[in-house]
Amino acid sequence: MYVIFLGAPGAGKGTQAAEVAKELKLAHIATGDMFRDAQKKGTALGLKAKEYMEKGKLVPDEITVAMLLERIAAPDCRQGVIFDGFPRTLAQTEALDKSLVKQSKAIDKVIFIKVAEEELLTRLSGRWICRQCQTPYHEVTSPPKIKGKCDRCSGELYQRDDDKPTTIKERLKVFFAQTAPLIDYYTRTGKLVEVNGVGTVEEVQKGILNALKRRSAGRK
């Protein structure tokens, strides 16, 4: 089973992708982790990606897709994969589909974790990070015992520039502009499953697993 997780910043996509992959015994592939792993191992594609990243440029789609295909050929991907963070654009979507077809594979389902923009703003703008140990906190859901101080090391908490309201609005604007075509694309293919992303981690996970089971049953 090959599944793509889509979700705006703050929707909980990364958390859910990791948890659902563990539950279903699928490999969890986050493109950022994949890039770092390939560079650490010194693979040819990893070194190519590093050249672009060191210059502050986006890694070309053909290199990213090639790295994904290389990654899913690994033994731990035999049962299937959950893709987290890719594709991000329609061009990447089409490139991935074409490459998978050549290997007689295909994306089975696409989970879109839907969360209203107001909720996303609340979640993201409340995030704070410890300068020393990088432990994350949230003003509403997981505040520190002492405001401005880390529970673990007493380090100073700070808010990253990309977690500030004005920056967040721009990030969301870019995300929805890029992702709308993907949602349309996968809706037309009948692979998109929309899941409510508001609730506890367990509640959202249950919704995702139920949606995947319903889609699987419908295909039999």
N, C-alpha and C. Protein backbone atom coordinates (compact mmCIF):
# COMPACT_ATOMS: atom_id res chain seq x y z
N MET A 1 0.84 -1.19 0.00
CA MET A 1 0.00 0.00 0.00
C MET A 1 0.88 1.25 0.00
N TYR A 2 0.60 2.15 -0.92
CA TYR A 2 1.33 3.41 -1.02
C TYR A 2 0.35 4.55 -0.75
N VAL A 3 0.62 5.29 0.33
CA VAL A 3 -0.30 6.33 0.78
C VAL A 3 0.42 7.66 0.92
N ILE A 4 -0.23 8.73 0.45
CA ILE A 4 0.31 10.08 0.61
C ILE A 4 -0.50 10.80 1.68
N PHE A 5 0.20 11.48 2.58
CA PHE A 5 -0.48 12.31 3.58
C PHE A 5 -0.32 13.78 3.20
N LEU A 6 -1.44 14.46 3.04
CA LEU A 6 -1.44 15.90 2.76
C LEU A 6 -2.02 16.62 3.97
N GLY A 7 -1.47 17.79 4.25
CA GLY A 7 -2.00 18.58 5.36
C GLY A 7 -1.23 19.88 5.48
N ALA A 8 -1.91 20.94 5.82
CA ALA A 8 -1.26 22.24 5.96
C ALA A 8 -0.31 22.24 7.15
N PRO A 9 0.62 23.20 7.21
CA PRO A 9 1.46 23.33 8.40
C PRO A 9 0.57 23.46 9.64
N GLY A 10 0.82 22.63 10.65
CA GLY A 10 0.02 22.69 11.86
C GLY A 10 -1.15 21.71 11.88
N ALA A 11 -1.38 20.99 10.78
CA ALA A 11 -2.50 20.05 10.71
C ALA A 11 -2.20 18.75 11.44
N GLY A 12 -0.93 18.51 11.76
CA GLY A 12 -0.56 17.26 12.44
C GLY A 12 -0.19 16.15 11.49
N LYS A 13 0.09 16.52 10.25
CA LYS A 13 0.39 15.53 9.21
C LYS A 13 1.58 14.64 9.58
N GLY A 14 2.69 15.26 10.02
CA GLY A 14 3.88 14.48 10.35
C GLY A 14 3.64 13.51 11.49
N THR A 15 2.95 13.97 12.53
CA THR A 15 2.65 13.12 13.68
C THR A 15 1.78 11.95 13.26
N GLN A 16 0.73 12.23 12.51
CA GLN A 16 -0.20 11.18 12.09
C GLN A 16 0.45 10.20 11.12
N ALA A 17 1.27 10.70 10.21
CA ALA A 17 1.95 9.82 9.26
C ALA A 17 2.83 8.81 9.99
N ALA A 18 3.56 9.30 11.00
CA ALA A 18 4.45 8.41 11.76
C ALA A 18 3.65 7.38 12.56
N GLU A 19 2.57 7.82 13.21
CA GLU A 19 1.78 6.92 14.05
C GLU A 19 1.02 5.89 13.22
N VAL A 20 0.43 6.32 12.13
CA VAL A 20 -0.34 5.40 11.27
C VAL A 20 0.60 4.40 10.60
N ALA A 21 1.78 4.86 10.19
CA ALA A 21 2.76 3.95 9.58
C ALA A 21 3.14 2.86 10.58
N LYS A 22 3.32 3.24 11.83
CA LYS A 22 3.67 2.27 12.87
C LYS A 22 2.52 1.28 13.09
N GLU A 23 1.29 1.80 13.11
CA GLU A 23 0.12 0.96 13.34
C GLU A 23 -0.08 -0.05 12.21
N LEU A 24 0.14 0.39 10.97
CA LEU A 24 -0.09 -0.47 9.81
C LEU A 24 1.17 -1.21 9.34
N LYS A 25 2.27 -0.98 10.08
CA LYS A 25 3.56 -1.61 9.74
C LYS A 25 4.02 -1.24 8.32
N LEU A 26 3.91 0.05 8.02
CA LEU A 26 4.37 0.59 6.74
C LEU A 26 5.59 1.47 7.01
N ALA A 27 6.41 1.67 5.99
CA ALA A 27 7.55 2.58 6.13
C ALA A 27 7.04 4.02 6.09
N HIS A 28 7.63 4.87 6.90
CA HIS A 28 7.27 6.29 6.92
C HIS A 28 8.41 7.05 6.27
N ILE A 29 8.13 7.69 5.14
CA ILE A 29 9.17 8.43 4.43
C ILE A 29 8.85 9.91 4.42
N ALA A 30 9.62 10.67 5.20
CA ALA A 30 9.53 12.13 5.20
C ALA A 30 10.70 12.61 4.34
N THR A 31 10.42 13.47 3.36
CA THR A 31 11.47 13.84 2.42
C THR A 31 12.67 14.49 3.10
N GLY A 32 12.44 15.29 4.14
CA GLY A 32 13.55 15.93 4.83
C GLY A 32 14.49 14.89 5.43
N ASP A 33 13.91 13.88 6.09
CA ASP A 33 14.70 12.80 6.68
C ASP A 33 15.42 12.01 5.59
N MET A 34 14.73 11.81 4.46
CA MET A 34 15.30 11.06 3.35
C MET A 34 16.54 11.76 2.80
N PHE A 35 16.44 13.09 2.63
CA PHE A 35 17.58 13.86 2.15
C PHE A 35 18.77 13.73 3.09
N ARG A 36 18.50 13.89 4.39
CA ARG A 36 19.59 13.83 5.38
C ARG A 36 20.24 12.45 5.41
N ASP A 37 19.40 11.40 5.31
CA ASP A 37 19.92 10.03 5.35
C ASP A 37 20.79 9.74 4.13
N ALA A 38 20.31 10.18 2.95
CA ALA A 38 21.06 9.94 1.71
C ALA A 38 22.40 10.68 1.73
N GLN A 39 22.40 11.89 2.29
CA GLN A 39 23.64 12.66 2.37
C GLN A 39 24.61 12.01 3.36
N LYS A 40 24.06 11.52 4.47
CA LYS A 40 24.89 10.87 5.49
C LYS A 40 25.56 9.63 4.91
N LYS A 41 24.81 8.88 4.09
CA LYS A 41 25.35 7.65 3.49
C LYS A 41 26.25 7.95 2.30
N GLY A 42 26.18 9.21 1.80
CA GLY A 42 27.03 9.60 0.68
C GLY A 42 26.62 9.00 -0.65
N THR A 43 25.32 8.74 -0.83
CA THR A 43 24.85 8.19 -2.10
C THR A 43 25.00 9.24 -3.20
N ALA A 44 25.05 8.78 -4.44
CA ALA A 44 25.21 9.70 -5.57
C ALA A 44 24.09 10.74 -5.61
N LEU A 45 22.86 10.28 -5.40
CA LEU A 45 21.72 11.20 -5.42
C LEU A 45 21.75 12.12 -4.21
N GLY A 46 22.18 11.59 -3.08
CA GLY A 46 22.28 12.40 -1.87
C GLY A 46 23.27 13.53 -2.04
N LEU A 47 24.39 13.25 -2.70
CA LEU A 47 25.41 14.28 -2.93
C LEU A 47 24.91 15.33 -3.92
N LYS A 48 24.13 14.89 -4.91
CA LYS A 48 23.55 15.84 -5.86
C LYS A 48 22.58 16.78 -5.16
N ALA A 49 21.74 16.20 -4.29
CA ALA A 49 20.76 17.00 -3.55
C ALA A 49 21.49 18.00 -2.65
N LYS A 50 22.60 17.56 -2.05
CA LYS A 50 23.36 18.41 -1.14
C LYS A 50 23.88 19.66 -1.84
N GLU A 51 24.27 19.52 -3.11
CA GLU A 51 24.78 20.65 -3.87
C GLU A 51 23.74 21.77 -3.96
N TYR A 52 22.49 21.37 -4.20
CA TYR A 52 21.41 22.36 -4.30
C TYR A 52 21.07 22.95 -2.94
N MET A 53 21.00 22.09 -1.93
CA MET A 53 20.60 22.54 -0.60
C MET A 53 21.62 23.50 0.01
N GLU A 54 22.91 23.27 -0.25
CA GLU A 54 23.96 24.14 0.27
C GLU A 54 23.91 25.53 -0.36
N LYS A 55 23.34 25.59 -1.57
CA LYS A 55 23.21 26.88 -2.25
C LYS A 55 21.87 27.55 -1.94
N GLY A 56 21.08 26.88 -1.08
CA GLY A 56 19.78 27.43 -0.71
C GLY A 56 18.73 27.27 -1.79
N LYS A 57 18.96 26.33 -2.70
CA LYS A 57 18.02 26.11 -3.80
C LYS A 57 17.18 24.86 -3.54
N LEU A 58 15.99 24.81 -4.17
CA LEU A 58 15.14 23.63 -4.06
C LEU A 58 15.76 22.49 -4.85
N VAL A 59 15.69 21.29 -4.32
CA VAL A 59 16.19 20.12 -5.03
C VAL A 59 15.25 19.85 -6.20
N PRO A 60 15.77 19.71 -7.44
CA PRO A 60 14.91 19.46 -8.60
C PRO A 60 14.03 18.23 -8.42
N ASP A 61 12.83 18.29 -9.00
CA ASP A 61 11.87 17.19 -8.86
C ASP A 61 12.44 15.85 -9.31
N GLU A 62 13.22 15.85 -10.41
CA GLU A 62 13.73 14.57 -10.92
C GLU A 62 14.67 13.90 -9.93
N ILE A 63 15.45 14.70 -9.19
CA ILE A 63 16.35 14.13 -8.19
C ILE A 63 15.57 13.61 -6.99
N THR A 64 14.59 14.41 -6.55
CA THR A 64 13.77 14.00 -5.40
C THR A 64 13.01 12.71 -5.70
N VAL A 65 12.39 12.63 -6.88
CA VAL A 65 11.64 11.43 -7.26
C VAL A 65 12.57 10.24 -7.37
N ALA A 66 13.75 10.43 -7.95
CA ALA A 66 14.72 9.33 -8.07
C ALA A 66 15.13 8.83 -6.69
N MET A 67 15.31 9.76 -5.74
CA MET A 67 15.66 9.38 -4.38
C MET A 67 14.52 8.61 -3.71
N LEU A 68 13.28 9.02 -3.98
CA LEU A 68 12.13 8.31 -3.42
C LEU A 68 12.06 6.88 -3.96
N LEU A 69 12.28 6.73 -5.26
CA LEU A 69 12.24 5.40 -5.86
C LEU A 69 13.35 4.51 -5.30
N GLU A 70 14.51 5.11 -5.09
CA GLU A 70 15.64 4.39 -4.50
C GLU A 70 15.28 3.96 -3.08
N ARG A 71 14.63 4.87 -2.35
CA ARG A 71 14.27 4.60 -0.96
C ARG A 71 13.22 3.50 -0.84
N ILE A 72 12.18 3.54 -1.70
CA ILE A 72 11.10 2.54 -1.57
C ILE A 72 11.51 1.16 -2.06
N ALA A 73 12.73 1.08 -2.63
CA ALA A 73 13.23 -0.24 -3.04
C ALA A 73 13.89 -0.96 -1.87
N ALA A 74 14.03 -0.25 -0.73
CA ALA A 74 14.66 -0.84 0.46
C ALA A 74 13.75 -1.90 1.07
N PRO A 75 14.34 -2.88 1.78
CA PRO A 75 13.57 -3.98 2.38
C PRO A 75 12.44 -3.55 3.30
N ASP A 76 12.63 -2.45 4.04
CA ASP A 76 11.60 -2.04 4.99
C ASP A 76 10.36 -1.45 4.33
N CYS A 77 10.41 -1.30 3.00
CA CYS A 77 9.27 -0.73 2.27
C CYS A 77 8.43 -1.79 1.55
N ARG A 78 8.73 -3.06 1.80
CA ARG A 78 8.03 -4.13 1.10
C ARG A 78 6.54 -4.16 1.36
N GLN A 79 6.12 -3.82 2.59
CA GLN A 79 4.70 -3.83 2.93
C GLN A 79 3.97 -2.58 2.43
N GLY A 80 4.75 -1.53 2.12
CA GLY A 80 4.15 -0.29 1.65
C GLY A 80 4.78 0.92 2.31
N VAL A 81 4.31 2.10 1.90
CA VAL A 81 4.93 3.34 2.34
C VAL A 81 3.89 4.42 2.58
N ILE A 82 4.16 5.24 3.58
CA ILE A 82 3.39 6.48 3.76
C ILE A 82 4.33 7.62 3.43
N PHE A 83 3.97 8.41 2.42
CA PHE A 83 4.78 9.55 1.99
C PHE A 83 4.35 10.79 2.77
N ASP A 84 5.32 11.44 3.39
CA ASP A 84 5.07 12.61 4.23
C ASP A 84 5.93 13.77 3.73
N GLY A 85 5.28 14.80 3.16
CA GLY A 85 6.03 15.95 2.67
C GLY A 85 6.31 15.94 1.19
N PHE A 86 5.81 14.95 0.49
CA PHE A 86 5.95 14.86 -0.97
C PHE A 86 4.80 14.03 -1.51
N PRO A 87 4.21 14.44 -2.62
CA PRO A 87 4.52 15.62 -3.43
C PRO A 87 3.92 16.90 -2.84
N ARG A 88 4.49 18.05 -3.26
CA ARG A 88 4.01 19.35 -2.81
C ARG A 88 3.36 20.15 -3.93
N THR A 89 3.68 19.79 -5.17
CA THR A 89 3.13 20.51 -6.32
C THR A 89 2.57 19.52 -7.33
N LEU A 90 1.79 20.03 -8.28
CA LEU A 90 1.20 19.16 -9.31
C LEU A 90 2.29 18.55 -10.17
N ALA A 91 3.34 19.30 -10.45
CA ALA A 91 4.45 18.78 -11.26
C ALA A 91 5.10 17.58 -10.56
N GLN A 92 5.28 17.68 -9.25
CA GLN A 92 5.86 16.58 -8.48
C GLN A 92 4.93 15.38 -8.46
N THR A 93 3.63 15.65 -8.37
CA THR A 93 2.63 14.58 -8.37
C THR A 93 2.69 13.78 -9.65
N GLU A 94 2.71 14.48 -10.78
CA GLU A 94 2.73 13.81 -12.08
C GLU A 94 4.05 13.07 -12.29
N ALA A 95 5.16 13.66 -11.84
CA ALA A 95 6.46 13.00 -11.98
C ALA A 95 6.51 11.72 -11.15
N LEU A 96 5.96 11.77 -9.94
CA LEU A 96 5.95 10.58 -9.07
C LEU A 96 5.09 9.48 -9.69
N ASP A 97 3.91 9.83 -10.17
CA ASP A 97 3.01 8.83 -10.77
C ASP A 97 3.66 8.15 -11.97
N LYS A 98 4.29 8.93 -12.83
CA LYS A 98 4.93 8.36 -14.03
C LYS A 98 6.06 7.42 -13.65
N SER A 99 6.83 7.82 -12.64
CA SER A 99 7.96 6.99 -12.21
C SER A 99 7.49 5.68 -11.56
N LEU A 100 6.40 5.75 -10.78
CA LEU A 100 5.87 4.56 -10.13
C LEU A 100 5.31 3.58 -11.16
N VAL A 101 4.66 4.12 -12.20
CA VAL A 101 4.09 3.27 -13.25
C VAL A 101 5.18 2.41 -13.90
N LYS A 102 6.36 3.00 -14.08
CA LYS A 102 7.47 2.26 -14.70
C LYS A 102 7.90 1.08 -13.84
N GLN A 103 7.59 1.15 -12.54
CA GLN A 103 7.92 0.05 -11.63
C GLN A 103 6.69 -0.82 -11.31
N SER A 104 5.64 -0.62 -12.09
CA SER A 104 4.37 -1.34 -11.89
C SER A 104 3.79 -1.08 -10.50
N LYS A 105 3.95 0.16 -10.02
CA LYS A 105 3.42 0.57 -8.73
C LYS A 105 2.52 1.78 -8.92
N ALA A 106 1.77 2.12 -7.87
CA ALA A 106 0.89 3.29 -7.95
C ALA A 106 0.50 3.74 -6.55
N ILE A 107 0.15 5.01 -6.43
CA ILE A 107 -0.36 5.53 -5.17
C ILE A 107 -1.76 4.95 -4.98
N ASP A 108 -2.02 4.35 -3.83
CA ASP A 108 -3.33 3.74 -3.57
C ASP A 108 -4.32 4.74 -3.00
N LYS A 109 -3.85 5.53 -2.04
CA LYS A 109 -4.76 6.47 -1.37
C LYS A 109 -4.02 7.73 -0.98
N VAL A 110 -4.78 8.81 -0.85
CA VAL A 110 -4.23 10.08 -0.41
C VAL A 110 -5.09 10.59 0.74
N ILE A 111 -4.48 10.75 1.91
CA ILE A 111 -5.18 11.24 3.10
C ILE A 111 -4.97 12.75 3.21
N PHE A 112 -6.05 13.51 3.16
CA PHE A 112 -5.96 14.95 3.35
C PHE A 112 -6.52 15.29 4.72
N ILE A 113 -5.63 15.70 5.63
CA ILE A 113 -6.04 16.06 6.99
C ILE A 113 -6.51 17.51 6.96
N LYS A 114 -7.82 17.69 7.04
CA LYS A 114 -8.39 19.04 6.88
C LYS A 114 -8.58 19.74 8.22
N VAL A 115 -8.03 20.95 8.31
CA VAL A 115 -8.16 21.79 9.50
C VAL A 115 -8.42 23.22 9.03
N ALA A 116 -9.39 23.89 9.64
CA ALA A 116 -9.73 25.26 9.25
C ALA A 116 -8.54 26.19 9.48
N GLU A 117 -8.44 27.23 8.65
CA GLU A 117 -7.31 28.16 8.74
C GLU A 117 -7.21 28.82 10.12
N GLU A 118 -8.34 29.17 10.73
CA GLU A 118 -8.32 29.80 12.05
C GLU A 118 -7.68 28.89 13.09
N GLU A 119 -8.00 27.61 13.01
CA GLU A 119 -7.42 26.63 13.94
C GLU A 119 -5.93 26.47 13.70
N LEU A 120 -5.53 26.47 12.43
CA LEU A 120 -4.11 26.34 12.09
C LEU A 120 -3.31 27.52 12.65
N LEU A 121 -3.88 28.71 12.54
CA LEU A 121 -3.22 29.91 13.06
C LEU A 121 -3.03 29.81 14.57
N THR A 122 -4.07 29.32 15.25
CA THR A 122 -3.99 29.17 16.71
C THR A 122 -2.91 28.16 17.09
N ARG A 123 -2.88 27.05 16.38
CA ARG A 123 -1.89 26.01 16.69
C ARG A 123 -0.47 26.49 16.45
N LEU A 124 -0.24 27.09 15.30
CA LEU A 124 1.11 27.46 14.91
C LEU A 124 1.66 28.67 15.66
N SER A 125 0.81 29.67 15.87
CA SER A 125 1.28 30.89 16.51
C SER A 125 1.52 30.69 18.00
N GLY A 126 1.09 29.56 18.56
CA GLY A 126 1.30 29.30 19.98
C GLY A 126 2.53 28.47 20.27
N ARG A 127 3.30 28.13 19.21
CA ARG A 127 4.47 27.27 19.41
C ARG A 127 5.69 28.06 19.88
N TRP A 128 6.39 27.47 20.88
CA TRP A 128 7.63 28.05 21.41
C TRP A 128 8.66 26.93 21.53
N ILE A 129 9.94 27.27 21.36
CA ILE A 129 11.02 26.29 21.37
C ILE A 129 12.09 26.69 22.39
N CYS A 130 12.67 25.71 23.07
CA CYS A 130 13.76 25.98 24.00
C CYS A 130 15.05 26.24 23.22
N ARG A 131 15.72 27.33 23.54
CA ARG A 131 16.96 27.67 22.82
C ARG A 131 18.07 26.64 23.08
N GLN A 132 18.05 26.01 24.24
CA GLN A 132 19.13 25.09 24.60
C GLN A 132 18.90 23.65 24.14
N CYS A 133 17.73 23.08 24.47
CA CYS A 133 17.51 21.66 24.15
C CYS A 133 16.49 21.43 23.04
N GLN A 134 15.92 22.51 22.51
CA GLN A 134 14.98 22.46 21.39
C GLN A 134 13.65 21.77 21.71
N THR A 135 13.33 21.61 22.99
CA THR A 135 12.04 21.02 23.36
C THR A 135 10.91 21.97 22.95
N PRO A 136 9.88 21.45 22.25
CA PRO A 136 8.78 22.32 21.82
C PRO A 136 7.68 22.45 22.87
N TYR A 137 7.04 23.61 22.90
CA TYR A 137 5.91 23.86 23.80
C TYR A 137 4.81 24.56 23.02
N HIS A 138 3.62 24.58 23.62
CA HIS A 138 2.51 25.32 23.02
C HIS A 138 1.74 26.04 24.11
N GLU A 139 1.41 27.29 23.85
CA GLU A 139 0.74 28.12 24.86
C GLU A 139 -0.56 27.51 25.37
N VAL A 140 -1.26 26.77 24.48
CA VAL A 140 -2.57 26.22 24.84
C VAL A 140 -2.50 24.74 25.20
N THR A 141 -1.91 23.94 24.31
CA THR A 141 -1.96 22.48 24.48
C THR A 141 -0.85 21.90 25.36
N SER A 142 0.31 22.54 25.39
CA SER A 142 1.41 22.01 26.21
C SER A 142 2.30 23.14 26.70
N PRO A 143 1.76 23.99 27.57
CA PRO A 143 2.53 25.13 28.07
C PRO A 143 3.59 24.70 29.08
N PRO A 144 4.67 25.48 29.24
CA PRO A 144 5.69 25.16 30.24
C PRO A 144 5.14 25.46 31.64
N LYS A 145 5.73 24.86 32.66
CA LYS A 145 5.28 25.11 34.04
C LYS A 145 5.53 26.56 34.44
N ILE A 146 6.66 27.10 33.97
CA ILE A 146 6.99 28.51 34.22
C ILE A 146 7.07 29.21 32.88
N LYS A 147 6.28 30.24 32.68
CA LYS A 147 6.23 30.93 31.40
C LYS A 147 7.62 31.41 30.97
N GLY A 148 7.97 31.04 29.72
CA GLY A 148 9.24 31.49 29.17
C GLY A 148 10.44 30.63 29.51
N LYS A 149 10.21 29.55 30.34
CA LYS A 149 11.32 28.68 30.72
C LYS A 149 11.03 27.22 30.40
N CYS A 150 12.06 26.52 29.96
CA CYS A 150 11.93 25.10 29.61
C CYS A 150 11.83 24.25 30.87
N ASP A 151 10.91 23.29 30.87
CA ASP A 151 10.74 22.38 32.01
C ASP A 151 11.96 21.48 32.19
N ARG A 152 12.61 21.14 31.09
CA ARG A 152 13.71 20.19 31.13
C ARG A 152 15.04 20.80 31.59
N CYS A 153 15.39 21.95 30.99
CA CYS A 153 16.72 22.50 31.25
C CYS A 153 16.71 23.95 31.73
N SER A 154 15.50 24.51 31.91
CA SER A 154 15.34 25.91 32.35
C SER A 154 15.84 26.91 31.32
N GLY A 155 16.03 26.43 30.07
CA GLY A 155 16.48 27.32 29.01
C GLY A 155 15.39 28.31 28.61
N GLU A 156 15.80 29.36 27.91
CA GLU A 156 14.85 30.38 27.45
C GLU A 156 14.02 29.86 26.28
N LEU A 157 12.73 30.13 26.33
CA LEU A 157 11.86 29.75 25.22
C LEU A 157 11.76 30.92 24.25
N TYR A 158 11.76 30.60 22.96
CA TYR A 158 11.63 31.64 21.95
C TYR A 158 10.69 31.18 20.85
N GLN A 159 10.20 32.12 20.07
CA GLN A 159 9.29 31.80 18.96
C GLN A 159 10.03 32.01 17.64
N ARG A 160 10.06 30.97 16.82
CA ARG A 160 10.73 31.06 15.54
C ARG A 160 10.01 32.06 14.64
N ASP A 161 10.76 32.65 13.72
CA ASP A 161 10.17 33.64 12.82
C ASP A 161 9.02 33.04 12.01
N ASP A 162 9.18 31.76 11.61
CA ASP A 162 8.13 31.16 10.79
C ASP A 162 6.93 30.69 11.60
N ASP A 163 6.94 30.94 12.92
CA ASP A 163 5.78 30.63 13.77
C ASP A 163 5.05 31.90 14.20
N LYS A 164 5.48 33.05 13.66
CA LYS A 164 4.81 34.30 13.98
C LYS A 164 3.62 34.51 13.05
N PRO A 165 2.51 35.09 13.55
CA PRO A 165 1.25 35.21 12.80
C PRO A 165 1.38 35.68 11.35
N THR A 166 2.15 36.75 11.10
CA THR A 166 2.24 37.26 9.72
C THR A 166 2.92 36.26 8.79
N THR A 167 3.95 35.60 9.31
CA THR A 167 4.65 34.59 8.51
C THR A 167 3.78 33.37 8.29
N ILE A 168 3.05 32.98 9.32
CA ILE A 168 2.18 31.81 9.22
C ILE A 168 1.11 32.01 8.15
N LYS A 169 0.52 33.18 8.10
CA LYS A 169 -0.51 33.46 7.10
C LYS A 169 0.04 33.30 5.69
N GLU A 170 1.28 33.76 5.50
CA GLU A 170 1.91 33.64 4.19
C GLU A 170 2.22 32.17 3.87
N ARG A 171 2.69 31.43 4.88
CA ARG A 171 2.97 30.00 4.68
C ARG A 171 1.71 29.24 4.28
N LEU A 172 0.60 29.56 4.96
CA LEU A 172 -0.67 28.90 4.65
C LEU A 172 -1.17 29.28 3.26
N LYS A 173 -0.99 30.54 2.91
CA LYS A 173 -1.41 31.00 1.59
C LYS A 173 -0.67 30.23 0.49
N VAL A 174 0.63 30.07 0.67
CA VAL A 174 1.45 29.33 -0.29
C VAL A 174 1.02 27.86 -0.33
N PHE A 175 0.81 27.28 0.86
CA PHE A 175 0.42 25.87 0.92
C PHE A 175 -0.88 25.61 0.16
N PHE A 176 -1.91 26.40 0.47
CA PHE A 176 -3.21 26.17 -0.17
C PHE A 176 -3.16 26.43 -1.68
N ALA A 177 -2.35 27.39 -2.10
CA ALA A 177 -2.21 27.67 -3.54
C ALA A 177 -1.56 26.48 -4.26
N GLN A 178 -0.55 25.89 -3.60
CA GLN A 178 0.16 24.76 -4.20
C GLN A 178 -0.63 23.46 -4.11
N THR A 179 -1.35 23.30 -3.01
CA THR A 179 -2.01 22.02 -2.73
C THR A 179 -3.38 21.87 -3.38
N ALA A 180 -4.07 22.96 -3.64
CA ALA A 180 -5.40 22.88 -4.26
C ALA A 180 -5.40 22.04 -5.54
N PRO A 181 -4.42 22.22 -6.44
CA PRO A 181 -4.38 21.39 -7.65
C PRO A 181 -4.18 19.91 -7.34
N LEU A 182 -3.40 19.60 -6.27
CA LEU A 182 -3.18 18.20 -5.89
C LEU A 182 -4.47 17.57 -5.40
N ILE A 183 -5.23 18.34 -4.62
CA ILE A 183 -6.51 17.84 -4.10
C ILE A 183 -7.46 17.56 -5.25
N ASP A 184 -7.51 18.46 -6.22
CA ASP A 184 -8.36 18.25 -7.40
C ASP A 184 -7.91 17.02 -8.19
N TYR A 185 -6.60 16.90 -8.35
CA TYR A 185 -6.03 15.80 -9.12
C TYR A 185 -6.40 14.45 -8.51
N TYR A 186 -6.17 14.31 -7.20
CA TYR A 186 -6.44 13.03 -6.55
C TYR A 186 -7.93 12.78 -6.33
N THR A 187 -8.72 13.85 -6.29
CA THR A 187 -10.18 13.69 -6.21
C THR A 187 -10.69 13.08 -7.51
N ARG A 188 -10.16 13.58 -8.63
CA ARG A 188 -10.57 13.07 -9.95
C ARG A 188 -10.21 11.59 -10.11
N THR A 189 -9.10 11.18 -9.52
CA THR A 189 -8.68 9.77 -9.63
C THR A 189 -9.40 8.88 -8.62
N GLY A 190 -10.17 9.50 -7.73
CA GLY A 190 -10.91 8.73 -6.73
C GLY A 190 -10.05 8.23 -5.58
N LYS A 191 -8.86 8.81 -5.41
CA LYS A 191 -7.95 8.32 -4.37
C LYS A 191 -7.94 9.19 -3.11
N LEU A 192 -8.53 10.38 -3.19
CA LEU A 192 -8.47 11.29 -2.05
C LEU A 192 -9.47 10.92 -0.96
N VAL A 193 -9.00 10.91 0.29
CA VAL A 193 -9.85 10.67 1.45
C VAL A 193 -9.66 11.86 2.39
N GLU A 194 -10.71 12.60 2.65
CA GLU A 194 -10.62 13.76 3.53
C GLU A 194 -10.96 13.36 4.96
N VAL A 195 -10.07 13.73 5.90
CA VAL A 195 -10.26 13.38 7.30
C VAL A 195 -10.24 14.64 8.15
N ASN A 196 -11.14 14.71 9.12
CA ASN A 196 -11.18 15.85 10.03
C ASN A 196 -9.96 15.83 10.93
N GLY A 197 -9.17 16.92 10.89
CA GLY A 197 -7.95 16.97 11.67
C GLY A 197 -8.10 17.63 13.03
N VAL A 198 -9.33 17.94 13.43
CA VAL A 198 -9.57 18.56 14.74
C VAL A 198 -9.96 17.49 15.75
N GLY A 199 -9.24 17.44 16.85
CA GLY A 199 -9.48 16.43 17.88
C GLY A 199 -8.16 16.01 18.49
N THR A 200 -8.20 15.01 19.36
CA THR A 200 -6.95 14.51 19.94
C THR A 200 -6.19 13.73 18.87
N VAL A 201 -4.91 13.48 19.14
CA VAL A 201 -4.10 12.70 18.20
C VAL A 201 -4.75 11.34 17.96
N GLU A 202 -5.28 10.73 19.04
CA GLU A 202 -5.91 9.41 18.95
C GLU A 202 -7.19 9.46 18.11
N GLU A 203 -7.98 10.52 18.30
CA GLU A 203 -9.24 10.65 17.55
C GLU A 203 -8.99 10.82 16.06
N VAL A 204 -8.00 11.66 15.73
CA VAL A 204 -7.68 11.89 14.31
C VAL A 204 -7.11 10.61 13.70
N GLN A 205 -6.27 9.93 14.46
CA GLN A 205 -5.69 8.67 13.96
C GLN A 205 -6.79 7.64 13.69
N LYS A 206 -7.76 7.56 14.58
CA LYS A 206 -8.87 6.62 14.39
C LYS A 206 -9.63 6.96 13.12
N GLY A 207 -9.84 8.25 12.88
CA GLY A 207 -10.53 8.67 11.66
C GLY A 207 -9.78 8.27 10.41
N ILE A 208 -8.45 8.41 10.45
CA ILE A 208 -7.62 8.04 9.30
C ILE A 208 -7.66 6.54 9.04
N LEU A 209 -7.50 5.76 10.11
CA LEU A 209 -7.51 4.30 9.96
C LEU A 209 -8.86 3.80 9.45
N ASN A 210 -9.94 4.39 9.95
CA ASN A 210 -11.28 4.01 9.49
C ASN A 210 -11.46 4.36 8.02
N ALA A 211 -10.95 5.53 7.61
CA ALA A 211 -11.08 5.95 6.22
C ALA A 211 -10.29 5.01 5.31
N LEU A 212 -9.12 4.61 5.75
CA LEU A 212 -8.31 3.69 4.93
C LEU A 212 -8.98 2.32 4.82
N LYS A 213 -9.58 1.87 5.92
CA LYS A 213 -10.27 0.58 5.89
C LYS A 213 -11.48 0.62 4.97
N ARG A 214 -12.22 1.74 5.03
CA ARG A 214 -13.41 1.87 4.16
C ARG A 214 -13.02 1.85 2.71
N ARG A 215 -11.95 2.57 2.37
CA ARG A 215 -11.50 2.62 0.98
C ARG A 215 -11.01 1.25 0.52
N SER A 216 -10.30 0.54 1.43
CA SER A 216 -9.80 -0.78 1.08
C SER A 216 -10.94 -1.75 0.83
N ALA A 217 -11.97 -1.69 1.70
CA ALA A 217 -13.13 -2.57 1.56
C ALA A 217 -13.87 -2.27 0.27
N GLY A 218 -13.93 -0.99 -0.09
CA GLY A 218 -14.66 -0.60 -1.29
C GLY A 218 -14.00 -1.04 -2.56
N ARG A 219 -12.70 -1.34 -2.49
CA ARG A 219 -11.97 -1.74 -3.70
C ARG A 219 -12.00 -3.24 -3.92
N LYS A 220 -12.44 -3.99 -2.91
CA LYS A 220 -12.44 -5.47 -3.03
C LYS A 220 -13.56 -5.93 -3.95
